[in-house]
Amino acid sequence: MAGSTALAAPVEFTFEDNRVPGGQVYLAIYKADQAKGWDDAPTHQEKLTLGDSENWKTTLELAPGRYAARAFIDVDGNGELKTARSGRPQEPFAISLGDGRKKASIRFQQAVFEVSDSAASVTMPLLYPKGSLDH
């Protein structure tokens, strides 16, 4: 008898405009039906090393469902996203492009993408706050 557990599918994450080859990137993935926003706990966390390409790709296995993802490049090496008092990031960061979107949004619901039982791809455009690479 077949089990009811959904098999994981390969999901390709593309970090666009990579200006930090070899940099450490922290990726947090949230299951959209379990999280209401970025303040909830992510269901997956990965620490990755960026490659040399401008549009660097990595593949992770995720079960079918709806997800949102965000990431940051740890320029100062402390394992945490550096922010200003206002909460704005001071290190390079990325938020997943939600289904059908061409521009990233900080809003959780606009970052949600679908993973089916076959391969999927997610675009993560890197954003560089002023001075974020001045270390």
C-alpha atoms as a PDB file:
ATOM      1  CA  MET A   1       0.000   0.000   0.000  1.00  0.00           C
ATOM      2  CA  ALA A   2       1.394   3.393  -0.988  1.00  0.00           C
ATOM      3  CA  GLY A   3       2.130   5.864   1.800  1.00  0.00           C
ATOM      4  CA  SER A   4       0.437   9.231   1.952  1.00  0.00           C
ATOM      5  CA  THR A   5       3.686  11.148   2.532  1.00  0.00           C
ATOM      6  CA  ALA A   6       4.410  13.487  -0.360  1.00  0.00           C
ATOM      7  CA  LEU A   7       7.790  13.018  -1.958  1.00  0.00           C
ATOM      8  CA  ALA A   8      10.173  15.937  -2.094  1.00  0.00           C
ATOM      9  CA  ALA A   9      10.821  17.694  -5.381  1.00  0.00           C
ATOM     10  CA  PRO A  10      14.021  19.459  -6.474  1.00  0.00           C
ATOM     11  CA  VAL A  11      13.669  23.236  -6.170  1.00  0.00           C
ATOM     12  CA  GLU A  12      16.294  25.407  -7.839  1.00  0.00           C
ATOM     13  CA  PHE A  13      16.984  28.706  -6.072  1.00  0.00           C
ATOM     14  CA  THR A  14      18.671  31.355  -8.240  1.00  0.00           C
ATOM     15  CA  PHE A  15      20.392  34.228  -6.431  1.00  0.00           C
ATOM     16  CA  GLU A  16      20.522  37.029  -8.999  1.00  0.00           C
ATOM     17  CA  ASP A  17      23.223  39.744  -9.076  1.00  0.00           C
ATOM     18  CA  ASN A  18      25.743  37.896  -6.901  1.00  0.00           C
ATOM     19  CA  ARG A  19      28.480  40.417  -6.029  1.00  0.00           C
ATOM     20  CA  VAL A  20      29.974  38.367  -3.161  1.00  0.00           C
ATOM     21  CA  PRO A  21      31.538  35.182  -4.594  1.00  0.00           C
ATOM     22  CA  GLY A  22      32.445  32.852  -1.737  1.00  0.00           C
ATOM     23  CA  GLY A  23      30.198  34.741   0.684  1.00  0.00           C
ATOM     24  CA  GLN A  24      28.117  32.936   3.288  1.00  0.00           C
ATOM     25  CA  VAL A  25      24.383  33.152   2.663  1.00  0.00           C
ATOM     26  CA  TYR A  26      21.735  32.189   5.190  1.00  0.00           C
ATOM     27  CA  LEU A  27      18.501  30.987   3.592  1.00  0.00           C
ATOM     28  CA  ALA A  28      15.245  30.635   5.546  1.00  0.00           C
ATOM     29  CA  ILE A  29      12.244  28.885   3.977  1.00  0.00           C
ATOM     30  CA  TYR A  30       8.746  29.203   5.412  1.00  0.00           C
ATOM     31  CA  LYS A  31       5.794  26.884   4.720  1.00  0.00           C
ATOM     32  CA  ALA A  32       3.044  29.369   3.838  1.00  0.00           C
ATOM     33  CA  ASP A  33       0.222  27.334   5.395  1.00  0.00           C
ATOM     34  CA  GLN A  34       2.103  27.187   8.731  1.00  0.00           C
ATOM     35  CA  ALA A  35       3.541  30.724   8.880  1.00  0.00           C
ATOM     36  CA  LYS A  36       1.635  33.991   8.786  1.00  0.00           C
ATOM     37  CA  GLY A  37       4.709  36.154   8.261  1.00  0.00           C
ATOM     38  CA  TRP A  38       8.467  36.584   8.512  1.00  0.00           C
ATOM     39  CA  ASP A  39       8.348  36.656  12.326  1.00  0.00           C
ATOM     40  CA  ASP A  40       7.227  33.005  12.452  1.00  0.00           C
ATOM     41  CA  ALA A  41       9.809  30.220  12.621  1.00  0.00           C
ATOM     42  CA  PRO A  42      11.107  28.975   9.260  1.00  0.00           C
ATOM     43  CA  THR A  43      10.551  25.322   8.400  1.00  0.00           C
ATOM     44  CA  HIS A  44      13.967  25.028   6.683  1.00  0.00           C
ATOM     45  CA  GLN A  45      17.247  26.843   7.231  1.00  0.00           C
ATOM     46  CA  GLU A  46      20.382  26.494   5.164  1.00  0.00           C
ATOM     47  CA  LYS A  47      23.846  28.033   5.330  1.00  0.00           C
ATOM     48  CA  LEU A  48      25.331  28.102   1.843  1.00  0.00           C
ATOM     49  CA  THR A  49      28.505  29.394   0.198  1.00  0.00           C
ATOM     50  CA  LEU A  50      27.900  31.519  -2.877  1.00  0.00           C
ATOM     51  CA  GLY A  51      29.640  30.439  -6.059  1.00  0.00           C
ATOM     52  CA  ASP A  52      31.363  32.650  -8.609  1.00  0.00           C
ATOM     53  CA  SER A  53      28.529  33.136 -11.106  1.00  0.00           C
ATOM     54  CA  GLU A  54      26.466  36.341 -11.269  1.00  0.00           C
ATOM     55  CA  ASN A  55      23.261  34.293 -11.104  1.00  0.00           C
ATOM     56  CA  TRP A  56      24.263  31.564  -8.652  1.00  0.00           C
ATOM     57  CA  LYS A  57      22.023  28.503  -8.314  1.00  0.00           C
ATOM     58  CA  THR A  58      21.531  25.850  -5.690  1.00  0.00           C
ATOM     59  CA  THR A  59      19.011  23.014  -5.500  1.00  0.00           C
ATOM     60  CA  LEU A  60      17.153  21.909  -2.369  1.00  0.00           C
ATOM     61  CA  GLU A  61      14.495  19.237  -1.884  1.00  0.00           C
ATOM     62  CA  LEU A  62      11.076  20.476  -0.693  1.00  0.00           C
ATOM     63  CA  ALA A  63       7.777  18.653  -0.324  1.00  0.00           C
ATOM     64  CA  PRO A  64       4.958  19.962  -2.522  1.00  0.00           C
ATOM     65  CA  GLY A  65       3.244  23.005  -1.048  1.00  0.00           C
ATOM     66  CA  ARG A  66       3.377  26.783  -0.841  1.00  0.00           C
ATOM     67  CA  TYR A  67       6.494  28.471   0.529  1.00  0.00           C
ATOM     68  CA  ALA A  68       8.181  31.853   0.947  1.00  0.00           C
ATOM     69  CA  ALA A  69      11.941  32.361   1.315  1.00  0.00           C
ATOM     70  CA  ARG A  70      14.335  35.053   2.381  1.00  0.00           C
ATOM     71  CA  ALA A  71      18.095  35.156   2.688  1.00  0.00           C
ATOM     72  CA  PHE A  72      20.977  37.410   3.588  1.00  0.00           C
ATOM     73  CA  ILE A  73      24.698  37.472   2.861  1.00  0.00           C
ATOM     74  CA  ASP A  74      26.605  37.502   6.137  1.00  0.00           C
ATOM     75  CA  VAL A  75      29.177  40.163   5.226  1.00  0.00           C
ATOM     76  CA  ASP A  76      30.336  40.772   8.799  1.00  0.00           C
ATOM     77  CA  GLY A  77      30.522  37.035   9.638  1.00  0.00           C
ATOM     78  CA  ASN A  78      28.412  37.106  12.825  1.00  0.00           C
ATOM     79  CA  GLY A  79      25.660  34.740  11.613  1.00  0.00           C
ATOM     80  CA  GLU A  80      22.925  37.390  11.969  1.00  0.00           C
ATOM     81  CA  LEU A  81      21.415  39.948   9.627  1.00  0.00           C
ATOM     82  CA  LYS A  82      22.771  43.370  10.545  1.00  0.00           C
ATOM     83  CA  THR A  83      19.970  45.946  10.673  1.00  0.00           C
ATOM     84  CA  ALA A  84      19.658  49.654  11.368  1.00  0.00           C
ATOM     85  CA  ARG A  85      17.608  50.874  14.340  1.00  0.00           C
ATOM     86  CA  SER A  86      14.691  51.208  11.926  1.00  0.00           C
ATOM     87  CA  GLY A  87      14.925  47.467  11.177  1.00  0.00           C
ATOM     88  CA  ARG A  88      16.170  47.976   7.621  1.00  0.00           C
ATOM     89  CA  PRO A  89      18.820  45.475   6.504  1.00  0.00           C
ATOM     90  CA  GLN A  90      22.406  46.706   6.330  1.00  0.00           C
ATOM     91  CA  GLU A  91      23.722  43.554   4.645  1.00  0.00           C
ATOM     92  CA  PRO A  92      22.771  42.229   1.195  1.00  0.00           C
ATOM     93  CA  PHE A  93      19.488  40.311   1.284  1.00  0.00           C
ATOM     94  CA  ALA A  94      16.977  38.558  -0.972  1.00  0.00           C
ATOM     95  CA  ILE A  95      13.292  37.681  -0.838  1.00  0.00           C
ATOM     96  CA  SER A  96      11.684  35.092  -3.119  1.00  0.00           C
ATOM     97  CA  LEU A  97       9.679  36.311  -6.068  1.00  0.00           C
ATOM     98  CA  GLY A  98       6.166  35.059  -5.453  1.00  0.00           C
ATOM     99  CA  ASP A  99       4.148  33.331  -8.160  1.00  0.00           C
ATOM    100  CA  GLY A 100       3.781  35.620 -11.184  1.00  0.00           C
ATOM    101  CA  ARG A 101       5.806  38.499  -9.667  1.00  0.00           C
ATOM    102  CA  LYS A 102       8.610  40.311 -11.459  1.00  0.00           C
ATOM    103  CA  LYS A 103       9.786  42.384  -8.482  1.00  0.00           C
ATOM    104  CA  ALA A 104      10.529  41.326  -4.910  1.00  0.00           C
ATOM    105  CA  SER A 105       8.352  42.577  -2.073  1.00  0.00           C
ATOM    106  CA  ILE A 106       9.016  42.541   1.662  1.00  0.00           C
ATOM    107  CA  ARG A 107       5.410  41.405   2.178  1.00  0.00           C
ATOM    108  CA  PHE A 108       5.280  37.729   3.109  1.00  0.00           C
ATOM    109  CA  GLN A 109       2.191  36.888   1.033  1.00  0.00           C
ATOM    110  CA  GLN A 110       3.771  38.398  -2.103  1.00  0.00           C
ATOM    111  CA  ALA A 111       6.841  36.179  -1.678  1.00  0.00           C
ATOM    112  CA  VAL A 112       4.871  32.906  -1.725  1.00  0.00           C
ATOM    113  CA  PHE A 113       5.685  30.384  -4.472  1.00  0.00           C
ATOM    114  CA  GLU A 114       4.299  26.947  -5.316  1.00  0.00           C
ATOM    115  CA  VAL A 115       6.235  23.681  -5.287  1.00  0.00           C
ATOM    116  CA  SER A 116       4.505  20.822  -7.079  1.00  0.00           C
ATOM    117  CA  ASP A 117       5.585  17.193  -7.219  1.00  0.00           C
ATOM    118  CA  SER A 118       7.982  17.994 -10.074  1.00  0.00           C
ATOM    119  CA  ALA A 119      10.959  20.339 -10.309  1.00  0.00           C
ATOM    120  CA  ALA A 120      10.418  24.010  -9.465  1.00  0.00           C
ATOM    121  CA  SER A 121      12.518  27.162  -9.631  1.00  0.00           C
ATOM    122  CA  VAL A 122      12.579  30.234  -7.398  1.00  0.00           C
ATOM    123  CA  THR A 123      14.223  33.555  -8.157  1.00  0.00           C
ATOM    124  CA  MET A 124      15.952  35.363  -5.284  1.00  0.00           C
ATOM    125  CA  PRO A 125      17.065  38.828  -6.497  1.00  0.00           C
ATOM    126  CA  LEU A 126      19.830  40.094  -4.209  1.00  0.00           C
ATOM    127  CA  LEU A 127      19.409  43.653  -2.947  1.00  0.00           C
ATOM    128  CA  TYR A 128      22.345  45.705  -1.714  1.00  0.00           C
ATOM    129  CA  PRO A 129      21.586  48.455   0.816  1.00  0.00           C
ATOM    130  CA  LYS A 130      23.865  51.470   0.507  1.00  0.00           C
ATOM    131  CA  GLY A 131      27.216  50.695   2.122  1.00  0.00           C
ATOM    132  CA  SER A 132      26.403  47.005   2.639  1.00  0.00           C
ATOM    133  CA  LEU A 133      29.635  45.860   0.992  1.00  0.00           C
ATOM    134  CA  ASP A 134      31.862  48.481   2.680  1.00  0.00           C
ATOM    135  CA  HIS A 135      33.600  46.304   5.281  1.00  0.00           C
END
